[in-house]
């Protein structure tokens, strides 16, 4: 379940998304930021409880590179959807 989304005030993109699960008291956060021209995940952390113990994990993402096989449309700005005609 999404518990919180923090929006960057300059880009209006998410800078952090927090989540929780009903199973194992799980919770965590994924952080985002600008890397070169792209807005990407920069890190994540999570914790869960199992068999009376809590386990914590932390990940950092660095050296982002996208596969050359991705089509150019992957990085193109989205086009707005057409506006339906107004009845009348």
Protein backbone atom coordinates (compact mmCIF):
# COMPACT_ATOMS: atom_id res chain seq x y z
CA UNK A 1 0.00 0.00 0.00
CA UNK A 2 1.30 3.46 -0.86
CA UNK A 3 1.55 5.46 2.36
CA UNK A 4 3.13 8.71 1.22
CA UNK A 5 4.39 10.44 -1.90
CA UNK A 6 6.72 13.42 -1.59
CA UNK A 7 6.78 15.71 -4.63
CA UNK A 8 9.83 17.77 -5.63
CA UNK A 9 8.77 21.42 -5.69
CA UNK A 10 10.87 22.35 -8.73
CA UNK A 11 10.15 19.45 -11.07
CA UNK A 12 6.78 18.29 -9.69
CA UNK A 13 8.10 14.73 -9.91
CA UNK A 14 8.15 12.32 -6.95
CA UNK A 15 11.26 12.59 -4.78
CA UNK A 16 10.17 9.75 -2.48
CA UNK A 17 7.43 7.14 -2.40
CA UNK A 18 6.79 5.29 0.86
CA UNK A 19 4.96 1.99 1.10
CA UNK A 20 3.83 -0.61 3.63
CA UNK A 21 2.56 -4.16 3.51
CA UNK A 22 0.14 -5.91 5.82
CA UNK A 23 2.36 -8.98 5.77
CA UNK A 24 5.37 -9.06 8.09
CA UNK A 25 4.99 -5.41 9.14
CA UNK A 26 6.83 -4.48 5.94
CA UNK A 27 7.57 -0.88 5.07
CA UNK A 28 9.99 1.08 2.95
CA UNK A 29 10.74 4.02 0.70
CA UNK A 30 12.06 4.52 -2.83
CA UNK A 31 13.87 7.82 -3.43
CA UNK A 32 14.15 9.57 -6.80
CA UNK A 33 16.33 12.34 -8.19
CA UNK A 34 17.90 13.85 -11.25
CA UNK A 35 20.80 11.93 -12.74
CA UNK A 36 22.02 13.69 -15.86
CA UNK A 37 18.94 14.58 -17.89
CA UNK A 38 16.83 11.81 -16.32
CA UNK A 39 14.67 11.50 -13.18
CA UNK A 40 15.38 8.03 -11.81
CA UNK A 41 15.39 5.95 -8.64
CA UNK A 42 18.46 6.81 -6.56
CA UNK A 43 17.94 4.51 -3.60
CA UNK A 44 15.54 2.30 -1.70
CA UNK A 45 15.20 0.96 1.80
CA UNK A 46 12.82 -1.58 3.29
CA UNK A 47 12.26 -3.50 6.48
CA UNK A 48 10.11 -6.47 7.41
CA UNK A 49 9.60 -8.61 10.47
CA UNK A 50 9.72 -12.39 10.35
CA UNK A 51 10.14 -15.00 13.05
CA UNK A 52 10.50 -12.30 15.71
CA UNK A 53 13.33 -10.49 13.91
CA UNK A 54 13.39 -7.35 11.80
CA UNK A 55 15.42 -7.36 8.60
CA UNK A 56 16.51 -4.11 6.96
CA UNK A 57 17.73 -3.67 3.39
CA UNK A 58 19.19 -0.60 1.68
CA UNK A 59 19.99 -0.21 -2.01
CA UNK A 60 21.80 2.60 -3.81
CA UNK A 61 21.60 3.08 -7.54
CA UNK A 62 24.53 4.66 -9.38
CA UNK A 63 25.98 4.93 -12.88
CA UNK A 64 22.60 4.88 -14.57
CA UNK A 65 22.87 3.80 -18.19
CA UNK A 66 20.00 2.85 -20.44
CA UNK A 67 20.38 0.03 -22.97
CA UNK A 68 21.15 1.24 -26.49
CA UNK A 69 18.40 -1.09 -27.72
CA UNK A 70 15.66 1.15 -26.28
CA UNK A 71 13.79 2.99 -29.04
CA UNK A 72 14.11 6.81 -29.13
CA UNK A 73 10.39 7.08 -28.31
CA UNK A 74 11.25 5.85 -24.79
CA UNK A 75 12.75 9.27 -24.06
CA UNK A 76 10.40 11.48 -26.08
CA UNK A 77 8.00 13.81 -24.33
CA UNK A 78 4.51 12.38 -24.10
CA UNK A 79 1.89 13.83 -26.39
CA UNK A 80 -1.36 14.99 -24.78
CA UNK A 81 -4.45 12.91 -25.36
CA UNK A 82 -6.99 14.36 -27.79
CA UNK A 83 -9.78 16.36 -26.20
CA UNK A 84 -13.20 14.81 -26.94
CA UNK A 85 -15.67 17.10 -28.72
CA UNK A 86 -18.17 18.91 -26.54
CA UNK A 87 -21.74 17.73 -27.16
CA UNK A 88 -24.16 20.29 -28.33
